[in-house]
Amino acid sequence: MKQHAWLLFDGKLWQRNYWEHIVRNEPDWNQIRAYIQNNPLQWTLDKLNPVYGQSRGDA
């Protein structure tokens, strides 16, 4: 019996070209931290975002 109501998904679930990364030093860690903090801000500009362009008036 399913415990979660997952909807059917007709696409890929995993990110293409995804790989793990070993943090080797503090500058590396700081760069990863900055990416994690700043990346969500880029979502409005991402062409995979279903509402891409609407906030820019392109829709």
N, C-alpha and C. Protein backbone atom coordinates (compact mmCIF):
# COMPACT_ATOMS: atom_id res chain seq x y z
N MET A 1 0.84 -1.18 0.00
CA MET A 1 0.00 0.00 0.00
C MET A 1 0.88 1.25 0.00
N LYS A 2 0.53 2.20 -0.85
CA LYS A 2 1.28 3.44 -0.90
C LYS A 2 0.97 4.30 0.31
N GLN A 3 2.02 4.86 0.88
CA GLN A 3 1.82 5.75 2.02
C GLN A 3 1.87 7.21 1.60
N HIS A 4 2.37 7.47 0.43
CA HIS A 4 2.46 8.83 -0.09
C HIS A 4 1.70 8.91 -1.40
N ALA A 5 1.01 9.98 -1.62
CA ALA A 5 0.21 10.14 -2.84
C ALA A 5 1.06 10.77 -3.94
N TRP A 6 2.04 10.02 -4.45
CA TRP A 6 2.88 10.52 -5.53
C TRP A 6 2.08 10.55 -6.82
N LEU A 7 2.16 11.65 -7.52
CA LEU A 7 1.51 11.77 -8.82
C LEU A 7 2.39 11.12 -9.88
N LEU A 8 1.78 10.63 -10.93
CA LEU A 8 2.54 10.07 -12.03
C LEU A 8 3.38 11.17 -12.67
N PHE A 9 4.59 10.85 -13.02
CA PHE A 9 5.52 11.82 -13.59
C PHE A 9 6.06 11.26 -14.88
N ASP A 10 5.86 11.97 -15.97
CA ASP A 10 6.26 11.49 -17.29
C ASP A 10 7.60 12.09 -17.73
N GLY A 11 8.49 12.27 -16.80
CA GLY A 11 9.79 12.84 -17.13
C GLY A 11 10.88 12.14 -16.36
N LYS A 12 12.05 12.73 -16.39
CA LYS A 12 13.17 12.18 -15.65
C LYS A 12 13.16 12.73 -14.23
N LEU A 13 13.45 11.87 -13.29
CA LEU A 13 13.43 12.28 -11.90
C LEU A 13 14.78 12.76 -11.42
N TRP A 14 15.86 12.26 -11.98
CA TRP A 14 17.20 12.58 -11.53
C TRP A 14 17.81 13.65 -12.43
N GLN A 15 18.63 14.49 -11.87
CA GLN A 15 19.30 15.52 -12.65
C GLN A 15 20.31 14.90 -13.60
N ARG A 16 20.30 15.33 -14.81
CA ARG A 16 21.28 14.90 -15.79
C ARG A 16 22.63 15.52 -15.43
N ASN A 17 23.68 14.79 -15.61
CA ASN A 17 25.05 15.24 -15.36
C ASN A 17 25.30 15.60 -13.89
N TYR A 18 24.59 14.98 -13.00
CA TYR A 18 24.80 15.22 -11.57
C TYR A 18 25.99 14.40 -11.10
N TRP A 19 26.82 14.98 -10.25
CA TRP A 19 27.92 14.23 -9.65
C TRP A 19 28.16 14.74 -8.24
N GLU A 20 28.75 13.90 -7.44
CA GLU A 20 29.09 14.28 -6.08
C GLU A 20 30.41 15.03 -6.08
N HIS A 21 30.64 15.77 -5.01
CA HIS A 21 31.87 16.55 -4.91
C HIS A 21 32.42 16.42 -3.50
N ILE A 22 33.68 16.16 -3.39
CA ILE A 22 34.34 16.08 -2.09
C ILE A 22 34.91 17.46 -1.77
N VAL A 23 34.52 18.01 -0.62
CA VAL A 23 35.03 19.31 -0.20
C VAL A 23 36.44 19.11 0.34
N ARG A 24 37.40 19.76 -0.28
CA ARG A 24 38.81 19.52 0.04
C ARG A 24 39.45 20.60 0.90
N ASN A 25 38.87 21.80 0.91
CA ASN A 25 39.49 22.88 1.69
C ASN A 25 38.45 23.96 1.98
N GLU A 26 38.83 24.94 2.77
CA GLU A 26 37.88 25.98 3.17
C GLU A 26 37.43 26.87 2.01
N PRO A 27 38.32 27.28 1.10
CA PRO A 27 37.83 28.05 -0.04
C PRO A 27 36.80 27.28 -0.88
N ASP A 28 37.03 26.00 -1.05
CA ASP A 28 36.08 25.15 -1.76
C ASP A 28 34.73 25.14 -1.04
N TRP A 29 34.78 24.97 0.27
CA TRP A 29 33.57 24.97 1.10
C TRP A 29 32.83 26.30 0.98
N ASN A 30 33.56 27.41 1.01
CA ASN A 30 32.94 28.73 0.90
C ASN A 30 32.28 28.93 -0.45
N GLN A 31 32.89 28.41 -1.51
CA GLN A 31 32.30 28.51 -2.84
C GLN A 31 31.00 27.70 -2.92
N ILE A 32 31.00 26.52 -2.35
CA ILE A 32 29.80 25.68 -2.34
C ILE A 32 28.70 26.34 -1.51
N ARG A 33 29.07 26.89 -0.38
CA ARG A 33 28.10 27.59 0.48
C ARG A 33 27.47 28.76 -0.27
N ALA A 34 28.27 29.54 -0.97
CA ALA A 34 27.75 30.68 -1.74
C ALA A 34 26.80 30.20 -2.83
N TYR A 35 27.15 29.10 -3.49
CA TYR A 35 26.28 28.55 -4.53
C TYR A 35 24.93 28.15 -3.94
N ILE A 36 24.95 27.47 -2.81
CA ILE A 36 23.70 27.01 -2.18
C ILE A 36 22.84 28.21 -1.77
N GLN A 37 23.47 29.25 -1.27
CA GLN A 37 22.71 30.43 -0.84
C GLN A 37 22.18 31.24 -2.02
N ASN A 38 22.95 31.35 -3.09
CA ASN A 38 22.58 32.24 -4.20
C ASN A 38 21.82 31.57 -5.33
N ASN A 39 21.94 30.26 -5.47
CA ASN A 39 21.33 29.58 -6.60
C ASN A 39 19.80 29.73 -6.66
N PRO A 40 19.07 29.65 -5.55
CA PRO A 40 17.62 29.81 -5.65
C PRO A 40 17.19 31.17 -6.23
N LEU A 41 18.03 32.18 -6.09
CA LEU A 41 17.71 33.50 -6.65
C LEU A 41 17.69 33.46 -8.17
N GLN A 42 18.37 32.49 -8.77
CA GLN A 42 18.43 32.38 -10.22
C GLN A 42 17.21 31.68 -10.83
N TRP A 43 16.34 31.11 -10.00
CA TRP A 43 15.21 30.31 -10.50
C TRP A 43 14.30 31.11 -11.41
N THR A 44 14.08 32.39 -11.12
CA THR A 44 13.20 33.19 -11.98
C THR A 44 13.78 33.36 -13.37
N LEU A 45 15.09 33.19 -13.53
CA LEU A 45 15.74 33.34 -14.84
C LEU A 45 15.95 32.00 -15.55
N ASP A 46 15.60 30.90 -14.89
CA ASP A 46 15.85 29.56 -15.43
C ASP A 46 14.78 29.19 -16.45
N LYS A 47 15.20 28.77 -17.64
CA LYS A 47 14.25 28.41 -18.70
C LYS A 47 13.45 27.16 -18.37
N LEU A 48 13.88 26.38 -17.38
CA LEU A 48 13.10 25.21 -16.95
C LEU A 48 12.00 25.60 -15.95
N ASN A 49 12.01 26.82 -15.48
CA ASN A 49 10.98 27.32 -14.58
C ASN A 49 9.68 27.48 -15.38
N PRO A 50 8.59 26.86 -14.94
CA PRO A 50 7.33 26.93 -15.70
C PRO A 50 6.81 28.36 -15.88
N VAL A 51 7.17 29.27 -15.03
CA VAL A 51 6.70 30.65 -15.16
C VAL A 51 7.80 31.57 -15.68
N TYR A 52 8.84 31.00 -16.31
CA TYR A 52 9.93 31.79 -16.87
C TYR A 52 9.38 32.81 -17.86
N GLY A 53 9.81 34.02 -17.74
CA GLY A 53 9.39 35.06 -18.68
C GLY A 53 8.19 35.84 -18.21
N GLN A 54 7.33 35.23 -17.38
CA GLN A 54 6.14 35.93 -16.94
C GLN A 54 6.50 37.14 -16.10
N SER A 55 7.52 36.99 -15.22
CA SER A 55 7.91 38.11 -14.39
C SER A 55 8.63 39.19 -15.20
N ARG A 56 9.13 38.81 -16.39
CA ARG A 56 9.82 39.77 -17.26
C ARG A 56 8.86 40.36 -18.29
N GLY A 57 7.62 39.88 -18.31
CA GLY A 57 6.65 40.40 -19.29
C GLY A 57 6.74 39.75 -20.64
N ASP A 58 7.44 38.61 -20.76
CA ASP A 58 7.59 37.93 -22.05
C ASP A 58 6.42 37.02 -22.39
N ALA A 59 5.59 36.70 -21.41
CA ALA A 59 4.52 35.71 -21.63
C ALA A 59 3.33 36.32 -22.33
